N, C-alpha and C. Protein backbone atom coordinates (compact mmCIF):
# COMPACT_ATOMS: atom_id res chain seq x y z
N UNK A 1 -3.45 -7.12 14.25
CA UNK A 1 -2.50 -6.55 15.15
C UNK A 1 -1.76 -5.21 14.47
N UNK A 2 -1.89 -4.22 14.99
CA UNK A 2 -1.29 -3.05 14.53
C UNK A 2 0.33 -3.17 14.46
N UNK A 3 0.98 -2.68 13.62
CA UNK A 3 2.47 -2.43 13.53
C UNK A 3 2.88 -1.53 14.60
N UNK A 4 3.96 -1.42 15.16
CA UNK A 4 4.45 -0.56 16.09
C UNK A 4 5.16 0.53 15.47
N UNK A 5 5.72 0.38 14.21
CA UNK A 5 6.24 1.45 13.46
C UNK A 5 5.96 1.10 12.04
N UNK A 6 5.76 2.11 11.22
CA UNK A 6 5.27 2.20 9.78
C UNK A 6 6.25 1.18 9.06
N UNK A 7 5.45 -0.06 8.41
CA UNK A 7 5.94 -1.03 7.47
C UNK A 7 6.46 -0.42 6.23
N UNK A 8 7.45 -1.00 5.50
CA UNK A 8 7.75 -0.51 4.21
C UNK A 8 8.07 -1.71 3.44
N UNK A 9 8.31 -1.44 2.16
CA UNK A 9 8.30 -2.81 1.18
C UNK A 9 7.34 -3.74 0.99
N UNK A 10 7.86 -5.00 0.95
CA UNK A 10 7.15 -5.96 0.79
C UNK A 10 6.08 -6.33 2.22
N UNK A 11 6.63 -5.95 3.16
CA UNK A 11 5.87 -6.05 4.25
C UNK A 11 4.68 -5.33 4.30
N UNK A 12 4.81 -4.03 4.07
CA UNK A 12 3.78 -3.05 3.76
C UNK A 12 2.71 -3.49 2.80
N UNK A 13 3.18 -3.92 1.68
CA UNK A 13 2.25 -4.38 0.58
C UNK A 13 1.39 -5.62 1.29
N UNK A 14 2.06 -6.54 1.83
CA UNK A 14 1.37 -7.87 2.36
C UNK A 14 0.41 -7.39 3.43
N UNK A 15 0.75 -6.36 4.23
CA UNK A 15 -0.21 -6.05 5.40
C UNK A 15 -1.54 -4.95 4.70
N UNK A 16 -0.93 -4.22 3.84
CA UNK A 16 -2.12 -3.48 3.00
C UNK A 16 -3.00 -4.45 2.25
N UNK A 17 -2.55 -5.53 1.45
CA UNK A 17 -3.35 -6.33 0.96
C UNK A 17 -4.13 -7.20 1.76
N UNK A 18 -3.47 -7.60 2.93
CA UNK A 18 -4.56 -8.44 3.93
C UNK A 18 -5.85 -7.61 4.51
N UNK A 19 -5.31 -6.27 4.53
CA UNK A 19 -6.55 -5.41 5.33
C UNK A 19 -7.34 -4.43 4.42
N UNK A 20 -6.89 -4.68 2.86
CA UNK A 20 -7.69 -3.73 1.76
C UNK A 20 -9.22 -3.76 2.12
N UNK A 21 -9.77 -5.03 2.14
CA UNK A 21 -11.12 -4.99 2.29
C UNK A 21 -11.90 -4.33 3.19
N UNK A 22 -11.03 -3.89 4.36
CA UNK A 22 -11.57 -3.44 5.65
C UNK A 22 -11.38 -1.86 5.63
N UNK A 23 -11.06 -1.28 4.39
CA UNK A 23 -10.98 0.14 4.34
C UNK A 23 -9.35 0.59 4.52
N UNK A 24 -9.15 1.91 3.82
CA UNK A 24 -8.07 2.55 3.97
C UNK A 24 -7.47 2.89 5.38
N UNK A 25 -8.55 3.55 6.24
CA UNK A 25 -8.34 3.98 7.49
C UNK A 25 -7.67 3.03 8.31
N UNK A 26 -8.39 1.58 8.58
CA UNK A 26 -8.16 0.54 9.27
C UNK A 26 -7.02 -0.15 8.79
N UNK A 27 -6.58 -0.25 7.43
CA UNK A 27 -5.66 -0.82 6.95
C UNK A 27 -4.25 0.21 7.15
N UNK A 28 -4.33 1.30 7.16
CA UNK A 28 -3.21 2.53 7.49
C UNK A 28 -3.04 2.06 8.91
N UNK A 29 -3.76 2.14 9.91
CA UNK A 29 -3.57 1.62 11.50
C UNK A 29 -2.76 0.56 11.48
N UNK A 30 -3.30 -0.57 10.96
CA UNK A 30 -2.59 -1.81 11.09
C UNK A 30 -1.27 -1.88 10.58
N UNK A 31 -1.16 -1.10 9.61
CA UNK A 31 0.30 -1.08 8.86
C UNK A 31 1.22 -0.04 9.45
N UNK A 32 0.89 0.54 10.66
CA UNK A 32 1.57 1.38 11.32
C UNK A 32 1.66 2.81 10.82
N UNK A 33 0.47 3.18 10.42
CA UNK A 33 0.26 4.65 9.91
C UNK A 33 -1.04 5.20 10.40
N UNK A 34 -1.22 5.20 11.82
CA UNK A 34 -2.38 5.59 12.36
C UNK A 34 -2.35 7.16 12.14
N UNK A 35 -3.53 7.64 11.92
CA UNK A 35 -4.03 8.91 11.50
C UNK A 35 -3.24 9.45 10.41
N UNK A 36 -2.83 8.59 9.47
CA UNK A 36 -1.84 9.31 8.17
C UNK A 36 -2.09 8.17 7.10
N UNK A 37 -3.60 8.20 6.66
CA UNK A 37 -4.00 7.47 5.75
C UNK A 37 -3.44 7.81 4.35
N UNK A 38 -3.29 9.33 4.08
CA UNK A 38 -2.73 9.65 2.61
C UNK A 38 -1.44 9.27 2.48
N UNK A 39 -0.41 9.30 3.45
CA UNK A 39 0.81 9.02 3.67
C UNK A 39 0.85 7.48 3.52
N UNK A 40 0.12 6.69 3.92
CA UNK A 40 -0.14 5.03 3.89
C UNK A 40 -0.36 5.10 2.43
N UNK A 41 -1.16 5.35 1.96
CA UNK A 41 -1.62 5.11 0.40
C UNK A 41 -0.32 5.45 -0.44
N UNK A 42 0.24 6.62 -0.30
CA UNK A 42 1.43 6.86 -0.97
C UNK A 42 2.63 5.97 -0.84
N UNK A 43 2.79 5.46 0.61
CA UNK A 43 3.74 4.52 0.62
C UNK A 43 3.71 3.28 0.03
N UNK A 44 2.41 2.64 0.04
CA UNK A 44 1.99 1.45 -0.55
C UNK A 44 2.18 1.78 -2.06
N UNK A 45 1.63 2.85 -2.65
CA UNK A 45 1.92 3.14 -4.11
C UNK A 45 3.52 2.96 -4.41
N UNK A 46 4.34 3.56 -3.43
CA UNK A 46 5.87 3.44 -3.76
C UNK A 46 6.21 2.16 -3.45
N UNK A 47 6.08 1.47 -2.75
CA UNK A 47 6.33 0.10 -2.37
C UNK A 47 5.93 -0.91 -3.71
N UNK A 48 4.84 -0.59 -4.08
CA UNK A 48 4.18 -1.50 -5.32
C UNK A 48 5.18 -1.06 -6.51
N UNK A 49 5.26 0.07 -6.79
CA UNK A 49 6.08 0.52 -7.97
C UNK A 49 7.35 0.09 -7.80
N UNK A 50 7.98 -0.13 -6.77
CA UNK A 50 9.38 -0.68 -6.44
C UNK A 50 9.41 -2.07 -7.13
N UNK A 51 8.38 -2.77 -7.07
CA UNK A 51 8.47 -4.09 -7.55
C UNK A 51 7.60 -4.32 -8.68
N UNK A 52 7.52 -3.21 -9.56
CA UNK A 52 7.05 -3.36 -10.89
C UNK A 52 5.48 -3.28 -10.88
N UNK A 53 4.59 -2.87 -9.98
CA UNK A 53 3.20 -3.24 -9.97
C UNK A 53 2.43 -1.80 -9.81
N UNK A 54 1.74 -1.35 -10.46
CA UNK A 54 1.09 -0.19 -10.55
C UNK A 54 -0.10 -0.29 -9.80
N UNK A 55 -0.77 0.49 -9.08
CA UNK A 55 -1.97 0.58 -8.33
C UNK A 55 -2.21 2.01 -8.29
N UNK A 56 -3.66 2.08 -8.45
CA UNK A 56 -4.31 3.44 -8.37
C UNK A 56 -4.77 3.79 -6.94
N UNK A 57 -5.39 2.81 -6.34
CA UNK A 57 -6.06 3.01 -4.87
C UNK A 57 -5.76 1.53 -4.41
N UNK A 58 -6.15 1.77 -3.18
CA UNK A 58 -6.00 0.50 -2.24
C UNK A 58 -6.85 -0.61 -2.76
N UNK A 59 -7.81 -0.60 -3.10
CA UNK A 59 -8.74 -1.55 -3.58
C UNK A 59 -8.19 -2.52 -4.90
N UNK A 60 -7.02 -1.76 -5.48
CA UNK A 60 -6.52 -2.69 -6.49
C UNK A 60 -5.79 -3.76 -6.07
N UNK A 61 -5.47 -3.83 -4.78
CA UNK A 61 -4.80 -4.81 -3.80
C UNK A 61 -5.65 -6.22 -3.92
N UNK A 62 -6.90 -6.15 -3.87
CA UNK A 62 -7.75 -6.84 -3.65
C UNK A 62 -8.00 -7.99 -4.77
N UNK A 63 -7.66 -9.36 -4.62
CA UNK A 63 -7.49 -10.19 -5.79
C UNK A 63 -8.96 -10.39 -6.17
N UNK A 64 -9.39 -10.80 -7.35
CA UNK A 64 -10.50 -11.08 -7.88
C UNK A 64 -11.24 -12.28 -7.15
N UNK A 65 -10.42 -13.25 -6.80
CA UNK A 65 -11.01 -14.29 -5.93
C UNK A 65 -11.67 -13.65 -4.40
N UNK A 66 -10.95 -12.49 -4.00
CA UNK A 66 -11.52 -12.12 -2.68
C UNK A 66 -12.91 -11.28 -2.91
N UNK A 67 -13.10 -10.61 -4.25
CA UNK A 67 -14.09 -9.93 -4.55
C UNK A 67 -15.37 -10.79 -4.53
N UNK A 68 -16.52 -10.73 -3.73
CA UNK A 68 -17.44 -11.72 -3.62
C UNK A 68 -18.48 -11.09 -4.57
N UNK A 69 -19.28 -11.55 -5.31
CA UNK A 69 -20.47 -10.94 -6.17
C UNK A 69 -21.65 -11.79 -5.46
N UNK A 70 -22.68 -11.07 -5.10
CA UNK A 70 -23.85 -11.73 -4.52
C UNK A 70 -24.87 -11.38 -5.74
N UNK A 71 -25.29 -12.53 -6.60
CA UNK A 71 -26.28 -12.46 -7.61
C UNK A 71 -27.62 -13.11 -6.76
N UNK A 72 -28.52 -12.06 -7.20
CA UNK A 72 -30.17 -12.51 -6.97
C UNK A 72 -30.47 -13.74 -7.31
N UNK A 73 -31.45 -14.54 -6.42
CA UNK A 73 -31.67 -15.65 -6.93
C UNK A 73 -32.64 -16.26 -5.64
N UNK A 74 -33.09 -17.51 -6.11
CA UNK A 74 -34.32 -18.07 -4.99
C UNK A 74 -33.57 -19.42 -4.73
N UNK A 75 -33.87 -19.94 -3.37
CA UNK A 75 -33.52 -21.11 -3.03
C UNK A 75 -34.62 -22.09 -3.15
N UNK A 76 -34.45 -23.27 -3.81
CA UNK A 76 -35.04 -24.28 -3.92
C UNK A 76 -34.82 -25.38 -3.16
N UNK A 77 -35.63 -25.78 -1.90
CA UNK A 77 -35.52 -26.94 -1.24
C UNK A 77 -36.71 -27.27 -0.52
N UNK A 78 -36.84 -28.71 -0.08
CA UNK A 78 -37.85 -29.27 0.26
C UNK A 78 -38.06 -28.67 1.75
N UNK A 79 -39.51 -28.75 2.29
CA UNK A 79 -39.86 -28.06 3.54
C UNK A 79 -39.39 -28.66 4.85
N UNK A 80 -38.88 -30.06 4.55
CA UNK A 80 -38.40 -30.60 5.79
C UNK A 80 -37.59 -31.90 5.12
N UNK A 81 -36.78 -32.38 6.35
CA UNK A 81 -35.65 -33.61 5.98
C UNK A 81 -36.21 -34.70 5.54
N UNK A 82 -37.77 -34.75 6.01
CA UNK A 82 -38.17 -36.23 5.68
C UNK A 82 -39.15 -36.28 4.27
N UNK A 83 -38.93 -34.99 3.63
CA UNK A 83 -39.84 -34.71 2.28
C UNK A 83 -38.61 -34.67 1.20
N UNK A 84 -37.26 -35.41 1.51
CA UNK A 84 -36.38 -35.31 0.54
C UNK A 84 -36.93 -36.12 -0.70
């Protein structure tokens, strides 16, 4: 759900973090910055800096646990349930 007015402070950081994986444009819209993506990024950086956190870009807010790595591999399984 999009904010009706631009968020600030910790609310902005939380909203930006929750939407960071969806991209800057959508995150900006949901945080109350429609059509103002660059202003949104600057506001997020300022909000993070105010709490002592340095970020260079929006994806810096994505926690390592949220980043999914898909490794190539093969699946080994029986052909049917009866041949377990």
